[in-house]
N, C-alpha and C. Protein backbone atom coordinates (compact mmCIF):
# COMPACT_ATOMS: atom_id res chain seq x y z
N MET A 1 -10.35 -6.14 -6.06
CA MET A 1 -10.46 -5.99 -4.62
C MET A 1 -9.39 -6.85 -3.94
N PHE A 2 -8.89 -6.36 -2.81
CA PHE A 2 -7.79 -7.02 -2.10
C PHE A 2 -8.15 -7.15 -0.62
N ASN A 3 -7.29 -7.87 0.12
CA ASN A 3 -7.55 -7.94 1.57
C ASN A 3 -6.34 -7.55 2.44
N GLY A 4 -5.28 -7.07 1.78
CA GLY A 4 -4.17 -6.47 2.52
C GLY A 4 -3.29 -7.45 3.26
N ILE A 5 -3.35 -8.73 2.89
CA ILE A 5 -2.46 -9.73 3.49
C ILE A 5 -1.36 -10.02 2.46
N ILE A 6 -0.13 -9.62 2.80
CA ILE A 6 0.97 -9.64 1.85
C ILE A 6 1.85 -10.88 2.06
N TYR A 7 2.02 -11.64 0.96
CA TYR A 7 2.92 -12.79 0.98
C TYR A 7 4.10 -12.60 0.01
N ASN A 8 4.03 -11.56 -0.82
CA ASN A 8 5.05 -11.38 -1.85
C ASN A 8 5.48 -9.92 -1.95
N THR A 9 6.74 -9.74 -2.28
CA THR A 9 7.26 -8.41 -2.58
C THR A 9 8.01 -8.48 -3.92
N GLY A 10 8.28 -7.31 -4.49
CA GLY A 10 9.07 -7.23 -5.72
C GLY A 10 10.06 -6.10 -5.60
N LYS A 11 11.11 -6.17 -6.40
CA LYS A 11 12.12 -5.12 -6.41
C LYS A 11 12.05 -4.37 -7.74
N ILE A 12 12.02 -3.05 -7.68
CA ILE A 12 11.97 -2.25 -8.90
C ILE A 12 13.33 -2.31 -9.60
N LYS A 13 13.32 -2.82 -10.83
CA LYS A 13 14.55 -2.93 -11.61
C LYS A 13 14.60 -1.95 -12.78
N GLN A 14 13.43 -1.52 -13.26
CA GLN A 14 13.41 -0.56 -14.36
C GLN A 14 12.35 0.51 -14.09
N ILE A 15 12.67 1.74 -14.46
CA ILE A 15 11.72 2.86 -14.35
C ILE A 15 11.81 3.67 -15.63
N PHE A 16 10.67 3.87 -16.28
CA PHE A 16 10.59 4.72 -17.47
C PHE A 16 9.63 5.86 -17.15
N ARG A 17 10.14 7.09 -17.13
CA ARG A 17 9.33 8.25 -16.77
C ARG A 17 9.03 9.10 -17.99
N THR A 18 7.80 9.61 -18.05
CA THR A 18 7.44 10.64 -19.02
C THR A 18 6.95 11.83 -18.20
N LYS A 19 6.48 12.86 -18.89
CA LYS A 19 6.02 14.06 -18.17
C LYS A 19 4.86 13.75 -17.23
N ASN A 20 3.93 12.88 -17.66
CA ASN A 20 2.71 12.65 -16.89
C ASN A 20 2.46 11.19 -16.50
N SER A 21 3.43 10.32 -16.71
CA SER A 21 3.20 8.91 -16.41
C SER A 21 4.52 8.20 -16.11
N MET A 22 4.40 6.92 -15.79
CA MET A 22 5.58 6.13 -15.47
C MET A 22 5.28 4.65 -15.77
N ILE A 23 6.30 3.93 -16.17
CA ILE A 23 6.21 2.48 -16.29
C ILE A 23 7.30 1.91 -15.39
N ILE A 24 6.93 0.92 -14.58
CA ILE A 24 7.93 0.27 -13.72
C ILE A 24 8.02 -1.21 -14.06
N GLY A 25 9.23 -1.75 -13.93
CA GLY A 25 9.46 -3.19 -14.11
C GLY A 25 9.95 -3.78 -12.82
N LEU A 26 9.26 -4.81 -12.34
CA LEU A 26 9.59 -5.43 -11.04
C LEU A 26 10.15 -6.83 -11.22
N ARG A 27 11.14 -7.19 -10.41
CA ARG A 27 11.60 -8.57 -10.32
C ARG A 27 11.04 -9.16 -9.03
N THR A 28 10.45 -10.34 -9.14
CA THR A 28 9.80 -10.95 -7.97
C THR A 28 9.70 -12.46 -8.14
N GLY A 29 9.52 -13.15 -7.04
CA GLY A 29 9.25 -14.58 -7.07
C GLY A 29 7.76 -14.86 -7.20
N PHE A 30 6.97 -13.81 -7.22
CA PHE A 30 5.52 -13.87 -7.38
C PHE A 30 5.21 -14.59 -8.69
N LYS A 31 4.45 -15.68 -8.64
CA LYS A 31 4.20 -16.50 -9.82
C LYS A 31 3.06 -15.93 -10.67
N LEU A 32 3.44 -15.30 -11.78
CA LEU A 32 2.48 -14.79 -12.75
C LEU A 32 2.96 -15.19 -14.14
N ASN A 33 2.02 -15.39 -15.07
CA ASN A 33 2.40 -15.73 -16.43
C ASN A 33 1.57 -14.92 -17.43
N GLN A 34 1.72 -15.23 -18.73
CA GLN A 34 1.07 -14.45 -19.78
C GLN A 34 -0.45 -14.43 -19.63
N LYS A 35 -1.03 -15.47 -19.04
CA LYS A 35 -2.48 -15.51 -18.82
C LYS A 35 -2.93 -14.43 -17.83
N ASP A 36 -1.99 -13.96 -17.03
CA ASP A 36 -2.32 -12.94 -16.01
C ASP A 36 -2.26 -11.51 -16.55
N LEU A 37 -1.84 -11.33 -17.81
CA LEU A 37 -1.80 -9.99 -18.37
C LEU A 37 -3.19 -9.36 -18.30
N GLY A 38 -3.24 -8.11 -17.88
CA GLY A 38 -4.52 -7.42 -17.69
C GLY A 38 -5.08 -7.58 -16.29
N SER A 39 -4.44 -8.39 -15.47
CA SER A 39 -4.91 -8.60 -14.09
C SER A 39 -4.61 -7.38 -13.22
N SER A 40 -5.44 -7.20 -12.20
CA SER A 40 -5.21 -6.15 -11.21
C SER A 40 -4.32 -6.69 -10.12
N ILE A 41 -3.23 -5.99 -9.87
CA ILE A 41 -2.29 -6.36 -8.82
C ILE A 41 -2.11 -5.17 -7.90
N SER A 42 -2.18 -5.40 -6.59
CA SER A 42 -1.91 -4.34 -5.63
C SER A 42 -0.39 -4.19 -5.51
N CYS A 43 0.11 -3.01 -5.88
CA CYS A 43 1.54 -2.70 -5.79
C CYS A 43 1.69 -1.57 -4.77
N ASN A 44 2.17 -1.91 -3.59
CA ASN A 44 2.24 -0.94 -2.49
C ASN A 44 0.87 -0.34 -2.20
N GLY A 45 -0.16 -1.15 -2.40
CA GLY A 45 -1.52 -0.72 -2.10
C GLY A 45 -2.24 -0.07 -3.26
N VAL A 46 -1.53 0.18 -4.37
CA VAL A 46 -2.14 0.81 -5.55
C VAL A 46 -2.58 -0.28 -6.52
N CYS A 47 -3.84 -0.24 -6.92
CA CYS A 47 -4.34 -1.21 -7.90
C CYS A 47 -3.77 -0.85 -9.27
N LEU A 48 -2.87 -1.70 -9.78
CA LEU A 48 -2.25 -1.48 -11.09
C LEU A 48 -2.53 -2.67 -11.99
N THR A 49 -2.52 -2.43 -13.29
CA THR A 49 -2.77 -3.47 -14.28
C THR A 49 -1.44 -4.02 -14.78
N LEU A 50 -1.32 -5.35 -14.75
CA LEU A 50 -0.13 -6.01 -15.29
C LEU A 50 -0.18 -5.89 -16.82
N THR A 51 0.77 -5.15 -17.40
CA THR A 51 0.72 -4.87 -18.84
C THR A 51 1.66 -5.74 -19.67
N LYS A 52 2.74 -6.22 -19.05
CA LYS A 52 3.72 -6.99 -19.80
C LYS A 52 4.57 -7.83 -18.86
N ILE A 53 5.01 -8.99 -19.35
CA ILE A 53 6.01 -9.80 -18.65
C ILE A 53 7.14 -10.03 -19.65
N LYS A 54 8.33 -9.56 -19.31
CA LYS A 54 9.46 -9.69 -20.23
C LYS A 54 10.75 -9.82 -19.44
N ASN A 55 11.59 -10.77 -19.83
CA ASN A 55 12.88 -11.00 -19.15
C ASN A 55 12.70 -11.16 -17.64
N LYS A 56 11.65 -11.90 -17.28
CA LYS A 56 11.34 -12.20 -15.87
C LYS A 56 10.98 -10.96 -15.05
N LEU A 57 10.61 -9.87 -15.73
CA LEU A 57 10.15 -8.67 -15.05
C LEU A 57 8.66 -8.48 -15.31
N LEU A 58 7.94 -7.97 -14.30
CA LEU A 58 6.54 -7.60 -14.43
C LEU A 58 6.46 -6.10 -14.65
N PHE A 59 5.69 -5.67 -15.65
CA PHE A 59 5.61 -4.25 -15.97
C PHE A 59 4.22 -3.69 -15.68
N PHE A 60 4.20 -2.48 -15.12
CA PHE A 60 2.97 -1.79 -14.76
C PHE A 60 3.05 -0.34 -15.21
N TYR A 61 1.92 0.18 -15.68
CA TYR A 61 1.81 1.58 -16.10
C TYR A 61 1.15 2.38 -14.98
N LEU A 62 1.69 3.56 -14.68
CA LEU A 62 1.13 4.44 -13.66
C LEU A 62 0.74 5.77 -14.30
N SER A 63 -0.51 6.15 -14.14
CA SER A 63 -1.02 7.40 -14.72
C SER A 63 -0.65 8.59 -13.84
N SER A 64 -0.92 9.78 -14.34
CA SER A 64 -0.66 11.01 -13.57
C SER A 64 -1.49 11.03 -12.28
N GLU A 65 -2.73 10.52 -12.34
CA GLU A 65 -3.60 10.47 -11.15
C GLU A 65 -2.96 9.60 -10.07
N THR A 66 -2.46 8.43 -10.47
CA THR A 66 -1.79 7.53 -9.52
C THR A 66 -0.55 8.19 -8.92
N LEU A 67 0.23 8.81 -9.76
CA LEU A 67 1.46 9.46 -9.29
C LEU A 67 1.16 10.62 -8.33
N SER A 68 0.06 11.33 -8.58
CA SER A 68 -0.27 12.48 -7.73
C SER A 68 -0.74 12.07 -6.34
N ARG A 69 -1.26 10.86 -6.21
CA ARG A 69 -1.81 10.43 -4.91
C ARG A 69 -0.91 9.48 -4.13
N SER A 70 0.07 8.90 -4.79
CA SER A 70 0.84 7.82 -4.16
C SER A 70 2.32 8.18 -3.99
N ASN A 71 3.04 7.27 -3.33
CA ASN A 71 4.47 7.49 -3.13
C ASN A 71 5.30 7.02 -4.32
N PHE A 72 4.65 6.59 -5.41
CA PHE A 72 5.39 6.13 -6.58
C PHE A 72 6.14 7.27 -7.27
N LEU A 73 5.73 8.50 -7.05
CA LEU A 73 6.43 9.63 -7.64
C LEU A 73 7.89 9.68 -7.17
N ARG A 74 8.15 9.11 -5.99
CA ARG A 74 9.50 9.16 -5.41
C ARG A 74 10.26 7.85 -5.49
N VAL A 75 9.69 6.83 -6.13
CA VAL A 75 10.38 5.53 -6.13
C VAL A 75 11.68 5.60 -6.93
N LYS A 76 12.55 4.66 -6.58
CA LYS A 76 13.82 4.55 -7.31
C LYS A 76 14.16 3.08 -7.48
N LYS A 77 15.14 2.82 -8.33
CA LYS A 77 15.55 1.44 -8.57
C LYS A 77 15.94 0.75 -7.27
N ASN A 78 15.57 -0.53 -7.18
CA ASN A 78 15.86 -1.42 -6.04
C ASN A 78 14.95 -1.18 -4.84
N ASP A 79 13.98 -0.25 -4.94
CA ASP A 79 12.97 -0.15 -3.89
C ASP A 79 12.16 -1.45 -3.86
N ILE A 80 11.74 -1.84 -2.66
CA ILE A 80 10.92 -3.04 -2.47
C ILE A 80 9.45 -2.64 -2.44
N ILE A 81 8.62 -3.37 -3.19
CA ILE A 81 7.20 -3.08 -3.33
C ILE A 81 6.38 -4.27 -2.83
N ASN A 82 5.36 -4.01 -2.02
CA ASN A 82 4.44 -5.07 -1.59
C ASN A 82 3.52 -5.45 -2.74
N LEU A 83 3.28 -6.75 -2.93
CA LEU A 83 2.44 -7.25 -4.02
C LEU A 83 1.33 -8.15 -3.49
N GLU A 84 0.14 -7.99 -4.08
CA GLU A 84 -0.98 -8.87 -3.74
C GLU A 84 -1.88 -9.03 -4.96
N LYS A 85 -2.23 -10.27 -5.27
CA LYS A 85 -3.20 -10.54 -6.34
C LYS A 85 -4.59 -10.19 -5.84
N SER A 86 -5.48 -9.84 -6.76
CA SER A 86 -6.86 -9.58 -6.35
C SER A 86 -7.48 -10.88 -5.83
N ILE A 87 -8.40 -10.74 -4.87
CA ILE A 87 -9.00 -11.92 -4.25
C ILE A 87 -10.10 -12.49 -5.15
N LYS A 88 -10.33 -13.80 -4.97
CA LYS A 88 -11.40 -14.47 -5.70
C LYS A 88 -12.55 -14.74 -4.75
N HIS A 89 -13.75 -14.89 -5.31
CA HIS A 89 -14.91 -15.26 -4.50
C HIS A 89 -14.60 -16.56 -3.76
N GLY A 90 -14.81 -16.56 -2.45
CA GLY A 90 -14.55 -17.75 -1.65
C GLY A 90 -13.20 -17.75 -0.96
N ASP A 91 -12.31 -16.78 -1.32
CA ASP A 91 -11.01 -16.70 -0.64
C ASP A 91 -11.20 -16.29 0.82
N LEU A 92 -10.29 -16.78 1.65
CA LEU A 92 -10.28 -16.38 3.06
C LEU A 92 -9.89 -14.91 3.17
N ILE A 93 -10.69 -14.12 3.90
CA ILE A 93 -10.38 -12.70 4.11
C ILE A 93 -9.78 -12.57 5.51
N SER A 94 -8.46 -12.42 5.56
CA SER A 94 -7.77 -12.31 6.85
C SER A 94 -7.55 -10.86 7.26
N GLY A 95 -7.57 -9.96 6.29
CA GLY A 95 -7.38 -8.54 6.59
C GLY A 95 -8.71 -7.82 6.54
N HIS A 96 -8.84 -6.87 5.60
CA HIS A 96 -10.12 -6.21 5.37
C HIS A 96 -10.19 -5.85 3.88
N TYR A 97 -11.40 -5.63 3.39
CA TYR A 97 -11.55 -5.30 1.98
C TYR A 97 -10.87 -3.97 1.66
N SER A 98 -10.02 -3.98 0.65
CA SER A 98 -9.43 -2.73 0.15
C SER A 98 -9.51 -2.76 -1.37
N PHE A 99 -9.42 -1.58 -1.97
CA PHE A 99 -9.70 -1.46 -3.40
C PHE A 99 -8.50 -1.03 -4.23
N GLY A 100 -7.42 -0.64 -3.56
CA GLY A 100 -6.26 -0.17 -4.30
C GLY A 100 -6.41 1.25 -4.79
N HIS A 101 -7.37 1.98 -4.18
CA HIS A 101 -7.61 3.38 -4.53
C HIS A 101 -7.02 4.26 -3.42
N ILE A 102 -5.82 4.72 -3.63
CA ILE A 102 -5.09 5.44 -2.59
C ILE A 102 -5.70 6.81 -2.34
N ASP A 103 -5.91 7.12 -1.07
CA ASP A 103 -6.49 8.41 -0.69
C ASP A 103 -5.44 9.51 -0.60
N CYS A 104 -4.28 9.15 -0.09
CA CYS A 104 -3.22 10.14 0.09
C CYS A 104 -1.96 9.43 0.54
N CYS A 105 -0.92 10.21 0.76
CA CYS A 105 0.30 9.70 1.40
C CYS A 105 0.34 10.20 2.84
N GLY A 106 0.87 9.39 3.72
CA GLY A 106 1.13 9.80 5.09
C GLY A 106 2.63 9.84 5.31
N LYS A 107 3.07 10.67 6.24
CA LYS A 107 4.50 10.79 6.52
C LYS A 107 4.83 10.15 7.87
N ILE A 108 5.86 9.33 7.88
CA ILE A 108 6.29 8.68 9.12
C ILE A 108 6.89 9.72 10.06
N LYS A 109 6.28 9.88 11.22
CA LYS A 109 6.77 10.83 12.22
C LYS A 109 7.74 10.17 13.18
N LYS A 110 7.41 8.95 13.59
CA LYS A 110 8.20 8.31 14.64
C LYS A 110 8.05 6.79 14.54
N ILE A 111 9.13 6.07 14.83
CA ILE A 111 9.10 4.61 14.94
C ILE A 111 9.75 4.25 16.26
N ILE A 112 8.99 3.53 17.10
CA ILE A 112 9.52 3.06 18.38
C ILE A 112 9.55 1.53 18.34
N LYS A 113 10.72 0.95 18.58
CA LYS A 113 10.87 -0.50 18.55
C LYS A 113 10.82 -1.03 19.98
N ILE A 114 9.83 -1.89 20.24
CA ILE A 114 9.68 -2.50 21.55
C ILE A 114 9.82 -4.01 21.35
N GLY A 115 11.00 -4.54 21.67
CA GLY A 115 11.28 -5.93 21.34
C GLY A 115 11.31 -6.04 19.82
N GLN A 116 10.52 -6.97 19.29
CA GLN A 116 10.45 -7.15 17.83
C GLN A 116 9.24 -6.44 17.22
N THR A 117 8.45 -5.78 18.05
CA THR A 117 7.26 -5.07 17.59
C THR A 117 7.58 -3.59 17.38
N TRP A 118 6.98 -3.02 16.35
CA TRP A 118 7.17 -1.60 16.07
C TRP A 118 5.89 -0.83 16.36
N THR A 119 6.03 0.33 17.00
CA THR A 119 4.94 1.29 17.11
C THR A 119 5.28 2.44 16.17
N VAL A 120 4.40 2.67 15.20
CA VAL A 120 4.68 3.65 14.15
C VAL A 120 3.64 4.77 14.21
N GLU A 121 4.11 6.01 14.19
CA GLU A 121 3.22 7.17 14.14
C GLU A 121 3.29 7.78 12.75
N ILE A 122 2.11 7.99 12.13
CA ILE A 122 2.03 8.51 10.77
C ILE A 122 1.20 9.79 10.77
N MET A 123 1.78 10.85 10.21
CA MET A 123 1.08 12.14 10.09
C MET A 123 0.13 12.08 8.90
N LEU A 124 -1.12 12.58 9.12
CA LEU A 124 -2.14 12.57 8.07
C LEU A 124 -2.88 13.90 8.02
N ARG A 125 -3.50 14.17 6.87
CA ARG A 125 -4.31 15.37 6.72
C ARG A 125 -5.55 15.28 7.63
N LYS A 126 -6.07 16.45 8.02
CA LYS A 126 -7.25 16.50 8.92
C LYS A 126 -8.47 15.84 8.30
N ASP A 127 -8.69 16.04 6.99
CA ASP A 127 -9.88 15.47 6.35
C ASP A 127 -9.83 13.94 6.35
N ILE A 128 -8.63 13.37 6.33
CA ILE A 128 -8.48 11.91 6.40
C ILE A 128 -8.68 11.43 7.84
N LEU A 129 -8.08 12.14 8.78
CA LEU A 129 -8.17 11.76 10.20
C LEU A 129 -9.62 11.73 10.68
N LYS A 130 -10.46 12.63 10.17
CA LYS A 130 -11.87 12.69 10.59
C LYS A 130 -12.63 11.40 10.27
N LYS A 131 -12.12 10.63 9.32
CA LYS A 131 -12.81 9.41 8.89
C LYS A 131 -12.26 8.16 9.56
N LEU A 132 -11.35 8.33 10.53
CA LEU A 132 -10.70 7.20 11.18
C LEU A 132 -11.11 7.08 12.64
N VAL A 133 -11.09 5.84 13.14
CA VAL A 133 -11.43 5.57 14.53
C VAL A 133 -10.41 4.60 15.14
N ASP A 134 -10.25 4.66 16.45
CA ASP A 134 -9.43 3.67 17.15
C ASP A 134 -9.96 2.27 16.85
N LYS A 135 -9.05 1.36 16.57
CA LYS A 135 -9.34 -0.05 16.26
C LYS A 135 -10.01 -0.25 14.90
N GLY A 136 -10.04 0.82 14.09
CA GLY A 136 -10.53 0.69 12.73
C GLY A 136 -9.44 0.15 11.82
N SER A 137 -9.82 -0.22 10.61
CA SER A 137 -8.87 -0.77 9.64
C SER A 137 -8.33 0.33 8.73
N ILE A 138 -7.08 0.15 8.32
CA ILE A 138 -6.45 1.06 7.37
C ILE A 138 -5.43 0.25 6.57
N THR A 139 -5.18 0.69 5.35
CA THR A 139 -4.18 0.02 4.51
C THR A 139 -2.99 0.94 4.34
N ILE A 140 -1.81 0.43 4.70
CA ILE A 140 -0.55 1.17 4.60
C ILE A 140 0.35 0.42 3.63
N ASN A 141 0.70 1.05 2.50
CA ASN A 141 1.48 0.37 1.46
C ASN A 141 0.90 -0.99 1.10
N GLY A 142 -0.44 -1.07 1.12
CA GLY A 142 -1.12 -2.30 0.75
C GLY A 142 -1.29 -3.30 1.86
N VAL A 143 -0.81 -2.98 3.07
CA VAL A 143 -0.88 -3.90 4.21
C VAL A 143 -2.07 -3.53 5.08
N SER A 144 -2.94 -4.49 5.34
CA SER A 144 -4.08 -4.27 6.23
C SER A 144 -3.60 -4.20 7.68
N LEU A 145 -3.88 -3.06 8.33
CA LEU A 145 -3.45 -2.87 9.71
C LEU A 145 -4.61 -2.31 10.54
N THR A 146 -4.50 -2.47 11.85
CA THR A 146 -5.48 -1.93 12.78
C THR A 146 -4.91 -0.67 13.42
N ILE A 147 -5.73 0.38 13.45
CA ILE A 147 -5.30 1.64 14.06
C ILE A 147 -5.34 1.49 15.58
N SER A 148 -4.21 1.72 16.23
CA SER A 148 -4.17 1.66 17.70
C SER A 148 -4.79 2.90 18.31
N LYS A 149 -4.46 4.06 17.73
CA LYS A 149 -4.97 5.32 18.29
C LYS A 149 -5.00 6.39 17.20
N VAL A 150 -6.09 7.18 17.21
CA VAL A 150 -6.19 8.35 16.34
C VAL A 150 -5.89 9.58 17.19
N LYS A 151 -4.88 10.34 16.80
CA LYS A 151 -4.50 11.56 17.52
C LYS A 151 -4.96 12.79 16.73
N ILE A 152 -4.59 13.98 17.19
CA ILE A 152 -5.05 15.21 16.55
C ILE A 152 -4.49 15.35 15.13
N LYS A 153 -3.22 14.98 14.93
CA LYS A 153 -2.60 15.14 13.62
C LYS A 153 -2.02 13.84 13.05
N SER A 154 -2.24 12.73 13.74
CA SER A 154 -1.59 11.49 13.33
C SER A 154 -2.34 10.27 13.81
N ILE A 155 -1.89 9.10 13.37
CA ILE A 155 -2.39 7.83 13.88
C ILE A 155 -1.21 7.00 14.40
N ILE A 156 -1.52 6.11 15.33
CA ILE A 156 -0.52 5.19 15.87
C ILE A 156 -0.89 3.78 15.41
N LEU A 157 0.10 3.04 14.91
CA LEU A 157 -0.08 1.66 14.48
C LEU A 157 0.91 0.77 15.22
N THR A 158 0.49 -0.45 15.52
CA THR A 158 1.39 -1.44 16.10
C THR A 158 1.60 -2.51 15.05
N ILE A 159 2.86 -2.76 14.69
CA ILE A 159 3.17 -3.70 13.63
C ILE A 159 3.95 -4.88 14.23
N ILE A 160 3.38 -6.07 14.07
CA ILE A 160 3.95 -7.28 14.68
C ILE A 160 5.11 -7.82 13.83
N PRO A 161 5.98 -8.65 14.42
CA PRO A 161 7.15 -9.17 13.70
C PRO A 161 6.82 -9.89 12.39
N HIS A 162 5.75 -10.68 12.36
CA HIS A 162 5.40 -11.42 11.13
C HIS A 162 5.12 -10.46 9.98
N THR A 163 4.38 -9.40 10.25
CA THR A 163 4.07 -8.41 9.21
C THR A 163 5.34 -7.72 8.73
N LEU A 164 6.22 -7.38 9.64
CA LEU A 164 7.49 -6.76 9.27
C LEU A 164 8.32 -7.69 8.39
N LYS A 165 8.31 -8.98 8.72
CA LYS A 165 9.09 -9.96 7.97
C LYS A 165 8.57 -10.13 6.54
N MET A 166 7.26 -10.06 6.35
CA MET A 166 6.65 -10.37 5.06
C MET A 166 6.50 -9.17 4.13
N THR A 167 6.69 -7.95 4.64
CA THR A 167 6.37 -6.75 3.86
C THR A 167 7.54 -5.76 3.83
N ASN A 168 7.35 -4.70 3.05
CA ASN A 168 8.39 -3.66 2.99
C ASN A 168 8.31 -2.67 4.15
N LEU A 169 7.37 -2.89 5.07
CA LEU A 169 7.28 -1.99 6.22
C LEU A 169 8.54 -2.04 7.08
N ILE A 170 9.28 -3.14 6.99
CA ILE A 170 10.53 -3.29 7.75
C ILE A 170 11.56 -2.23 7.36
N TYR A 171 11.41 -1.66 6.16
CA TYR A 171 12.38 -0.67 5.67
C TYR A 171 11.98 0.77 5.99
N LEU A 172 10.84 0.95 6.65
CA LEU A 172 10.37 2.31 6.94
C LEU A 172 11.33 3.05 7.86
N LYS A 173 11.44 4.37 7.60
CA LYS A 173 12.20 5.23 8.49
C LYS A 173 11.52 6.59 8.57
N LYS A 174 11.94 7.37 9.52
CA LYS A 174 11.34 8.69 9.75
C LYS A 174 11.32 9.51 8.45
N ASN A 175 10.20 10.19 8.21
CA ASN A 175 9.96 11.07 7.06
C ASN A 175 9.63 10.34 5.76
N ASP A 176 9.64 9.01 5.76
CA ASP A 176 9.20 8.28 4.57
C ASP A 176 7.73 8.54 4.31
N LEU A 177 7.33 8.49 3.04
CA LEU A 177 5.93 8.58 2.67
C LEU A 177 5.37 7.19 2.43
N VAL A 178 4.16 6.94 2.95
CA VAL A 178 3.49 5.66 2.74
C VAL A 178 2.13 5.90 2.10
N ASN A 179 1.70 4.93 1.29
CA ASN A 179 0.39 5.00 0.66
C ASN A 179 -0.70 4.65 1.66
N ILE A 180 -1.74 5.48 1.70
CA ILE A 180 -2.84 5.32 2.65
C ILE A 180 -4.14 5.08 1.90
N GLU A 181 -4.83 4.00 2.26
CA GLU A 181 -6.22 3.81 1.82
C GLU A 181 -7.07 3.58 3.05
N ILE A 182 -8.03 4.46 3.29
CA ILE A 182 -8.89 4.29 4.44
C ILE A 182 -10.04 3.36 4.08
N ASP A 183 -10.66 2.80 5.08
CA ASP A 183 -11.74 1.84 4.90
C ASP A 183 -12.89 2.47 4.11
N MET A 184 -13.33 1.77 3.05
CA MET A 184 -14.38 2.30 2.17
C MET A 184 -15.66 2.61 2.94
N LEU A 185 -15.99 1.80 3.91
CA LEU A 185 -17.21 2.03 4.69
C LEU A 185 -17.17 3.39 5.39
N SER A 186 -16.02 3.74 5.93
CA SER A 186 -15.91 5.03 6.63
C SER A 186 -16.07 6.20 5.65
N LYS A 187 -15.64 6.01 4.40
CA LYS A 187 -15.81 7.06 3.39
C LYS A 187 -17.29 7.31 3.12
N TYR A 188 -18.05 6.23 2.94
CA TYR A 188 -19.47 6.37 2.63
C TYR A 188 -20.25 6.96 3.80
N ILE A 189 -19.92 6.49 5.01
CA ILE A 189 -20.59 7.02 6.19
C ILE A 189 -20.31 8.50 6.36
N SER A 190 -19.04 8.88 6.18
CA SER A 190 -18.65 10.28 6.31
C SER A 190 -19.38 11.15 5.29
N LYS A 191 -19.48 10.68 4.06
CA LYS A 191 -20.16 11.44 3.01
C LYS A 191 -21.66 11.55 3.31
N TYR A 192 -22.24 10.47 3.78
CA TYR A 192 -23.68 10.47 4.09
C TYR A 192 -24.01 11.51 5.16
N PHE A 193 -23.20 11.57 6.22
CA PHE A 193 -23.51 12.47 7.33
C PHE A 193 -23.11 13.91 7.05
N LYS A 194 -22.39 14.16 5.95
CA LYS A 194 -22.14 15.54 5.53
C LYS A 194 -23.42 16.18 5.04
């Protein structure tokens, strides 16, 4: 489990693709060692298992299920990835609980820069939009954000300078795909009322 507060990023230095899976190697200042092998790490919001540390690179395996739901299918060398260790009991929760279980990808429709703050519009599927509310929580590439407005086909987010500085959201541009995880509580409520 994670809380979507990002202090670390990594750069993809190696990609090994097969027909149905992928292994990525990241270079990062994120402090992990051999004792952390098998740990769950949020990589762009996707809960991945640290499988190997070699030559100062962290390696993660991605299954076909992960590739089908996330933007990792399109990653390339030198892409920047948001990283977060799973939280421990007693840790401060500054964002909101997230699980690293990506629901879908959203497409960036528009970015408006007002001073140092960004207003970002993301296109989403109707079934996802039905589970969202104004001022609700959402995870974008592993970053806990508050929804400013839910529209008919999209959501509006306001991203402050500190978040842009600490995460890969600063590199977003029109038509990019981002990983979306909606709040688990809204999923359960939506299913219950069906």
